[in-house]
Amino acid sequence: MTKKTLILLAIGTALFVLYLANIPFAEAVHRLREVPRGPLVLILVSNALTPILKALRWRALLGASGEQLRFRTLFSSVSAGFFLGLVTPGTSGEFGRVITLEVDRVAGLASVLFEKVWDLAILVLIAVTALLSLRLDGPALYLAAPAVWIVGALIFVGVARRPRVASTLPRFVVRRVLSQERGDRVAEVWQAVVTLLRNPRLTLLSAFFSLLLWIIPGLQYGAILHLLGVEPTIPMVLVSFFVPYLAGVISLVPLGLGVFDLSTAHLARGAFGIPAAEATASVLLYRILITLVLVLWGFACYVYRIRKGARARAAGAEER
């Protein structure tokens, strides 16, 4: 773990402690005890959808580069990468899933970067739609929200049709931050990303999977609110979940720790009048049922992939 990661993790932990120190913790725990257990099991099971969808998308992207891997292998690798992404700044550690497989490094890194570009783009569009829902309602919102997504789609189409435009910012950063050798490797990966971006089928496929992968946690958070006695609305979930989630990603704090928690509870109370106990309980329940479960599962898969790789290398050395 790098010094930067440790500093960000310390900041996140401090924010989370501040969050816990300023919430009606006893009332929130009391509300948690009242939640029926049956629906909680369904929410737990729904966590499996995330690595399944990620593995399906990654198989399609790697397949375009000629890499053919079993779904089971990709599932465990994606889960391991999800763990690495959650505990590193801005989910950057998710690139580490590439080292758990025997694949071409350029193709592997480019496919993960392509996924993350789309994941961030869809999250930004959802967050913008959420902010619009705070300012507009009725016909005005129904016109403005689709317009935002159409403009976003046109921007991506324009960038995909002009590779030089797509490479302008990465080239600028590479020239000023990295050495010549590292810059060449990054440029090679980015060129592979641009190639994927110019493939209409893979672009639409990745965008569709990104949207599904954001809908799942949104539905999970909405279900948690419902179990706590709050009737969730689409604007409520968009604003109190996705805007804080984006803030957590941008902050680079691992897990969005503290940033997501403070923002979600504050917006739930301030923008929608959710009682403090329910707002707090919703955050705690999301952290326990989704974040913690995915981190533990991902860690187990990471250990499995590393040990399997070590055994394969040892077997190869013995044969030589």
Protein backbone atom coordinates (compact mmCIF):
# COMPACT_ATOMS: atom_id res chain seq x y z
CA MET A 1 0.00 0.00 0.00
CA THR A 2 1.56 3.31 -1.07
CA LYS A 3 2.04 6.37 1.13
CA LYS A 4 -0.62 8.25 -0.87
CA THR A 5 -3.12 5.45 -0.34
CA LEU A 6 -2.41 5.37 3.39
CA ILE A 7 -2.91 9.14 3.65
CA LEU A 8 -6.21 8.99 1.76
CA LEU A 9 -7.32 6.02 3.84
CA ALA A 10 -6.48 7.94 7.02
CA ILE A 11 -8.52 10.91 5.78
CA GLY A 12 -11.42 8.64 4.92
CA THR A 13 -11.25 6.93 8.30
CA ALA A 14 -11.23 10.31 10.06
CA LEU A 15 -14.28 11.41 8.06
CA PHE A 16 -16.05 8.14 8.86
CA VAL A 17 -15.31 8.54 12.58
CA LEU A 18 -16.63 12.11 12.35
CA TYR A 19 -19.73 10.74 10.68
CA LEU A 20 -20.25 8.14 13.42
CA ALA A 21 -19.68 10.77 16.13
CA ASN A 22 -22.47 12.99 14.78
CA ILE A 23 -25.25 10.49 14.13
CA PRO A 24 -28.03 9.09 16.31
CA PHE A 25 -26.21 5.77 16.46
CA ALA A 26 -28.40 4.13 19.12
CA GLU A 27 -31.59 5.03 17.24
CA ALA A 28 -30.11 3.78 13.97
CA VAL A 29 -29.14 0.44 15.51
CA HIS A 30 -32.65 0.14 16.94
CA ARG A 31 -34.09 0.66 13.44
CA LEU A 32 -31.71 -1.95 12.05
CA ARG A 33 -32.97 -4.51 14.53
CA GLU A 34 -36.53 -3.96 13.29
CA VAL A 35 -35.67 -4.75 9.66
CA PRO A 36 -37.09 -8.13 8.50
CA ARG A 37 -34.36 -10.69 7.83
CA GLY A 38 -35.84 -12.34 4.72
CA PRO A 39 -35.47 -9.37 2.33
CA LEU A 40 -31.93 -8.79 3.62
CA VAL A 41 -30.96 -12.22 2.28
CA LEU A 42 -32.27 -11.25 -1.16
CA ILE A 43 -30.17 -8.08 -1.09
CA LEU A 44 -27.12 -10.14 -0.14
CA VAL A 45 -27.73 -12.59 -2.99
CA SER A 46 -28.16 -9.71 -5.47
CA ASN A 47 -24.49 -8.81 -4.87
CA ALA A 48 -23.58 -11.73 -7.13
CA LEU A 49 -25.02 -9.86 -10.10
CA THR A 50 -22.17 -7.32 -10.03
CA PRO A 51 -19.22 -9.70 -10.65
CA ILE A 52 -21.34 -11.77 -13.06
CA LEU A 53 -22.08 -8.75 -15.26
CA LYS A 54 -18.50 -7.51 -14.99
CA ALA A 55 -17.17 -10.92 -16.06
CA LEU A 56 -19.54 -11.09 -19.03
CA ARG A 57 -18.49 -7.62 -20.19
CA TRP A 58 -14.80 -8.34 -19.73
CA ARG A 59 -15.07 -11.60 -21.67
CA ALA A 60 -16.56 -9.70 -24.62
CA LEU A 61 -13.84 -7.03 -24.53
CA LEU A 62 -10.98 -9.52 -24.19
CA GLY A 63 -12.53 -11.68 -26.89
CA ALA A 64 -12.21 -8.79 -29.33
CA SER A 65 -8.43 -9.00 -28.75
CA GLY A 66 -8.34 -12.74 -29.30
CA GLU A 67 -8.22 -13.70 -25.61
CA GLN A 68 -10.48 -16.65 -24.77
CA LEU A 69 -10.91 -17.42 -21.07
CA ARG A 70 -13.39 -19.46 -19.06
CA PHE A 71 -16.19 -17.56 -17.35
CA ARG A 72 -15.26 -19.02 -13.95
CA THR A 73 -11.74 -17.66 -14.30
CA LEU A 74 -12.98 -14.22 -15.28
CA PHE A 75 -15.54 -14.23 -12.45
CA SER A 76 -12.90 -14.81 -9.76
CA SER A 77 -10.50 -12.35 -11.39
CA VAL A 78 -13.15 -9.62 -11.63
CA SER A 79 -14.09 -10.21 -7.99
CA ALA A 80 -10.43 -9.90 -6.99
CA GLY A 81 -10.13 -6.71 -9.03
CA PHE A 82 -13.26 -5.34 -7.43
CA PHE A 83 -11.64 -5.78 -4.00
CA LEU A 84 -8.47 -4.05 -5.20
CA GLY A 85 -10.54 -1.23 -6.68
CA LEU A 86 -12.53 -0.66 -3.50
CA VAL A 87 -9.45 -0.33 -1.28
CA THR A 88 -7.39 1.92 -3.57
CA PRO A 89 -7.74 5.61 -4.55
CA GLY A 90 -10.45 6.18 -7.12
CA THR A 91 -10.85 2.40 -7.64
CA SER A 92 -7.53 2.47 -9.56
CA GLY A 93 -6.49 -0.86 -8.07
CA GLU A 94 -9.04 -2.62 -10.27
CA PHE A 95 -6.38 -2.65 -12.99
CA GLY A 96 -4.67 -5.23 -10.78
CA ARG A 97 -7.08 -7.91 -11.97
CA VAL A 98 -5.00 -8.09 -15.17
CA ILE A 99 -2.01 -9.50 -13.26
CA THR A 100 -4.16 -12.38 -11.96
CA LEU A 101 -4.57 -13.76 -15.49
CA GLU A 102 -2.31 -14.94 -18.27
CA VAL A 103 -3.41 -12.36 -20.85
CA ASP A 104 -1.72 -9.81 -23.05
CA ARG A 105 -0.98 -6.88 -20.73
CA VAL A 106 -1.84 -4.18 -23.27
CA ALA A 107 -5.15 -5.79 -24.22
CA GLY A 108 -5.99 -6.48 -20.57
CA LEU A 109 -5.20 -2.98 -19.29
CA ALA A 110 -6.96 -1.35 -22.26
CA SER A 111 -10.12 -3.40 -21.66
CA VAL A 112 -10.24 -2.43 -17.96
CA LEU A 113 -9.58 1.22 -18.78
CA PHE A 114 -12.33 1.12 -21.40
CA GLU A 115 -14.73 -0.27 -18.78
CA LYS A 116 -13.80 2.42 -16.27
CA VAL A 117 -14.21 5.23 -18.80
CA TRP A 118 -17.75 4.08 -19.42
CA ASP A 119 -18.50 3.45 -15.75
CA LEU A 120 -17.44 6.99 -14.88
CA ALA A 121 -19.27 8.51 -17.86
CA ILE A 122 -22.55 6.79 -16.95
CA LEU A 123 -22.15 7.74 -13.28
CA VAL A 124 -21.59 11.39 -14.23
CA LEU A 125 -24.70 11.36 -16.44
CA ILE A 126 -26.75 9.82 -13.62
CA ALA A 127 -25.44 12.42 -11.15
CA VAL A 128 -26.24 15.29 -13.55
CA THR A 129 -29.75 13.87 -13.99
CA ALA A 130 -30.06 13.71 -10.20
CA LEU A 131 -29.07 17.37 -9.80
CA LEU A 132 -31.59 18.32 -12.49
CA SER A 133 -34.31 16.55 -10.51
CA LEU A 134 -33.61 18.94 -7.61
CA ARG A 135 -34.15 22.00 -9.79
CA LEU A 136 -36.83 20.82 -12.20
CA ASP A 137 -39.97 18.74 -12.11
CA GLY A 138 -42.79 17.65 -14.38
CA PRO A 139 -42.45 18.27 -18.13
CA ALA A 140 -39.28 20.36 -17.73
CA LEU A 141 -37.45 17.44 -16.10
CA TYR A 142 -38.79 14.94 -18.65
CA LEU A 143 -37.32 17.11 -21.42
CA ALA A 144 -34.03 18.08 -19.74
CA ALA A 145 -33.00 14.61 -18.50
CA PRO A 146 -33.14 12.87 -21.91
CA ALA A 147 -31.38 15.88 -23.43
CA VAL A 148 -28.45 15.39 -21.05
CA TRP A 149 -28.07 11.74 -22.09
CA ILE A 150 -28.40 12.56 -25.79
CA VAL A 151 -25.70 15.23 -25.52
CA GLY A 152 -23.46 12.76 -23.67
CA ALA A 153 -23.99 10.15 -26.39
CA LEU A 154 -23.19 12.69 -29.12
CA ILE A 155 -19.97 13.68 -27.36
CA PHE A 156 -18.83 10.06 -27.21
CA VAL A 157 -19.73 9.48 -30.85
CA GLY A 158 -17.78 12.59 -31.82
CA VAL A 159 -14.73 11.50 -29.82
CA ALA A 160 -14.90 7.96 -31.24
CA ARG A 161 -14.91 9.29 -34.78
CA ARG A 162 -11.85 11.47 -34.12
CA PRO A 163 -8.99 9.46 -32.57
CA ARG A 164 -6.79 12.56 -32.34
CA VAL A 165 -9.38 14.25 -30.13
CA ALA A 166 -9.59 11.15 -27.93
CA SER A 167 -5.81 11.12 -27.53
CA THR A 168 -5.23 14.84 -26.90
CA LEU A 169 -5.61 14.88 -23.10
CA PRO A 170 -3.84 11.53 -22.41
CA ARG A 171 -0.94 12.61 -24.66
CA PHE A 172 -0.69 15.93 -22.79
CA VAL A 173 -0.60 14.20 -19.40
CA VAL A 174 1.85 11.51 -20.48
CA ARG A 175 4.37 13.99 -21.88
CA ARG A 176 4.45 16.01 -18.65
CA VAL A 177 4.16 13.34 -15.97
CA LEU A 178 5.76 10.10 -17.17
CA SER A 179 9.16 9.09 -18.47
CA GLN A 180 9.61 8.27 -22.14
CA GLU A 181 9.54 4.51 -21.54
CA ARG A 182 6.43 4.56 -19.36
CA GLY A 183 4.84 7.10 -21.66
CA ASP A 184 5.27 4.75 -24.61
CA ARG A 185 3.58 1.91 -22.71
CA VAL A 186 0.68 4.13 -21.67
CA ALA A 187 0.33 5.41 -25.23
CA GLU A 188 0.14 1.82 -26.47
CA VAL A 189 -2.62 1.01 -23.98
CA TRP A 190 -4.55 4.15 -24.84
CA GLN A 191 -4.33 3.40 -28.53
CA ALA A 192 -5.95 0.05 -27.81
CA VAL A 193 -8.68 1.89 -25.85
CA VAL A 194 -9.34 4.16 -28.83
CA THR A 195 -9.62 1.08 -31.05
CA LEU A 196 -12.27 -0.32 -28.70
CA LEU A 197 -14.06 3.03 -28.65
CA ARG A 198 -14.31 3.00 -32.44
CA ASN A 199 -16.05 -0.39 -32.35
CA PRO A 200 -19.80 0.44 -32.22
CA ARG A 201 -20.81 -2.96 -30.89
CA LEU A 202 -18.31 -2.97 -28.02
CA THR A 203 -19.06 0.67 -27.22
CA LEU A 204 -22.80 0.07 -26.96
CA LEU A 205 -22.22 -3.17 -25.06
CA SER A 206 -19.94 -1.53 -22.51
CA ALA A 207 -22.30 1.43 -22.06
CA PHE A 208 -25.24 -0.94 -21.54
CA PHE A 209 -23.37 -3.03 -18.96
CA SER A 210 -22.19 0.12 -17.17
CA LEU A 211 -25.78 1.31 -16.89
CA LEU A 212 -26.88 -2.07 -15.50
CA LEU A 213 -23.99 -2.08 -13.03
CA TRP A 214 -25.14 1.29 -11.66
CA ILE A 215 -28.83 0.35 -11.61
CA ILE A 216 -28.09 -2.63 -9.32
CA PRO A 217 -26.66 -0.65 -6.34
CA GLY A 218 -29.33 2.01 -6.86
CA LEU A 219 -32.04 -0.66 -6.54
CA GLN A 220 -30.26 -2.14 -3.53
CA TYR A 221 -30.19 1.25 -1.78
CA GLY A 222 -33.84 1.84 -2.66
CA ALA A 223 -34.74 -1.58 -1.21
CA ILE A 224 -32.86 -0.73 1.98
CA LEU A 225 -34.81 2.51 2.34
CA HIS A 226 -38.06 0.59 1.82
CA LEU A 227 -37.13 -1.93 4.52
CA LEU A 228 -36.53 0.97 6.91
CA GLY A 229 -40.04 2.27 6.32
CA VAL A 230 -39.12 4.99 3.82
CA GLU A 231 -40.94 4.98 0.49
CA PRO A 232 -38.13 5.63 -2.00
CA THR A 233 -38.65 7.70 -5.15
CA ILE A 234 -36.43 7.82 -8.20
CA PRO A 235 -35.22 11.41 -7.45
CA MET A 236 -34.53 10.38 -3.84
CA VAL A 237 -32.30 7.48 -4.88
CA LEU A 238 -30.61 9.46 -7.67
CA VAL A 239 -29.73 12.38 -5.39
CA SER A 240 -29.03 10.71 -2.05
CA PHE A 241 -27.07 7.75 -3.49
CA PHE A 242 -25.47 8.52 -6.85
CA VAL A 243 -24.32 12.09 -6.17
CA PRO A 244 -22.50 11.02 -2.97
CA TYR A 245 -21.09 7.98 -4.79
CA LEU A 246 -19.60 10.24 -7.47
CA ALA A 247 -18.20 12.51 -4.76
CA GLY A 248 -16.55 9.49 -3.14
CA VAL A 249 -14.95 8.42 -6.43
CA ILE A 250 -13.68 11.92 -7.21
CA SER A 251 -12.27 12.33 -3.70
CA LEU A 252 -10.00 9.31 -4.38
CA VAL A 253 -10.57 8.14 -0.80
CA PRO A 254 -10.66 4.31 -0.75
CA LEU A 255 -14.27 3.06 -0.50
CA GLY A 256 -15.35 6.72 -0.58
CA LEU A 257 -15.05 6.25 3.18
CA GLY A 258 -16.62 9.12 5.07
CA VAL A 259 -17.34 11.13 1.92
CA PHE A 260 -20.14 8.84 0.74
CA ASP A 261 -21.49 8.28 4.25
CA LEU A 262 -21.66 11.94 5.27
CA SER A 263 -23.06 13.06 1.92
CA THR A 264 -25.73 10.34 1.70
CA ALA A 265 -27.04 10.88 5.21
CA HIS A 266 -27.01 14.68 4.78
CA LEU A 267 -28.82 14.66 1.43
CA ALA A 268 -31.36 12.08 2.58
CA ARG A 269 -32.25 14.28 5.56
CA GLY A 270 -31.90 17.72 4.01
CA ALA A 271 -33.32 17.18 0.53
CA PHE A 272 -36.03 14.60 1.26
CA GLY A 273 -36.80 14.94 4.95
CA ILE A 274 -35.86 11.37 5.86
CA PRO A 275 -35.56 11.09 9.67
CA ALA A 276 -31.99 11.05 10.96
CA ALA A 277 -32.25 7.52 12.36
CA GLU A 278 -33.49 6.08 9.04
CA ALA A 279 -30.94 8.06 6.99
CA THR A 280 -28.13 6.80 9.20
CA ALA A 281 -29.43 3.23 9.23
CA SER A 282 -29.64 3.21 5.42
CA VAL A 283 -25.95 4.09 5.12
CA LEU A 284 -24.87 1.56 7.76
CA LEU A 285 -26.97 -1.18 6.18
CA TYR A 286 -25.58 -0.44 2.70
CA ARG A 287 -22.02 -0.59 4.04
CA ILE A 288 -22.68 -3.91 5.80
CA LEU A 289 -24.75 -5.68 3.14
CA ILE A 290 -23.01 -4.47 0.00
CA THR A 291 -19.62 -2.84 0.62
CA LEU A 292 -18.36 -5.19 3.34
CA VAL A 293 -19.65 -8.34 1.62
CA LEU A 294 -18.06 -7.43 -1.73
CA VAL A 295 -14.76 -6.52 -0.06
CA LEU A 296 -14.58 -9.83 1.83
CA TRP A 297 -15.62 -11.86 -1.23
CA GLY A 298 -13.18 -9.98 -3.42
CA PHE A 299 -10.35 -10.50 -0.94
CA ALA A 300 -11.01 -14.24 -0.88
CA CYS A 301 -10.96 -14.33 -4.70
CA TYR A 302 -7.76 -12.25 -4.76
CA VAL A 303 -5.99 -14.70 -2.45
CA TYR A 304 -7.29 -17.59 -4.55
CA ARG A 305 -6.06 -16.07 -7.83
CA ILE A 306 -2.62 -15.20 -6.39
CA ARG A 307 -2.14 -18.68 -4.95
CA LYS A 308 -3.32 -20.34 -8.15
CA GLY A 309 -0.90 -18.20 -10.16
CA ALA A 310 1.94 -19.12 -7.81
CA ARG A 311 1.17 -22.85 -8.16
CA ALA A 312 1.06 -22.54 -11.95
CA ARG A 313 4.44 -20.78 -12.02
CA ALA A 314 5.92 -23.40 -9.69
CA ALA A 315 4.61 -26.22 -11.88
CA GLY A 316 6.07 -24.53 -14.97
CA ALA A 317 9.46 -24.17 -13.28
CA GLU A 318 9.53 -27.87 -12.35
CA GLU A 319 8.78 -28.89 -15.95
CA ARG A 320 11.73 -26.82 -17.18
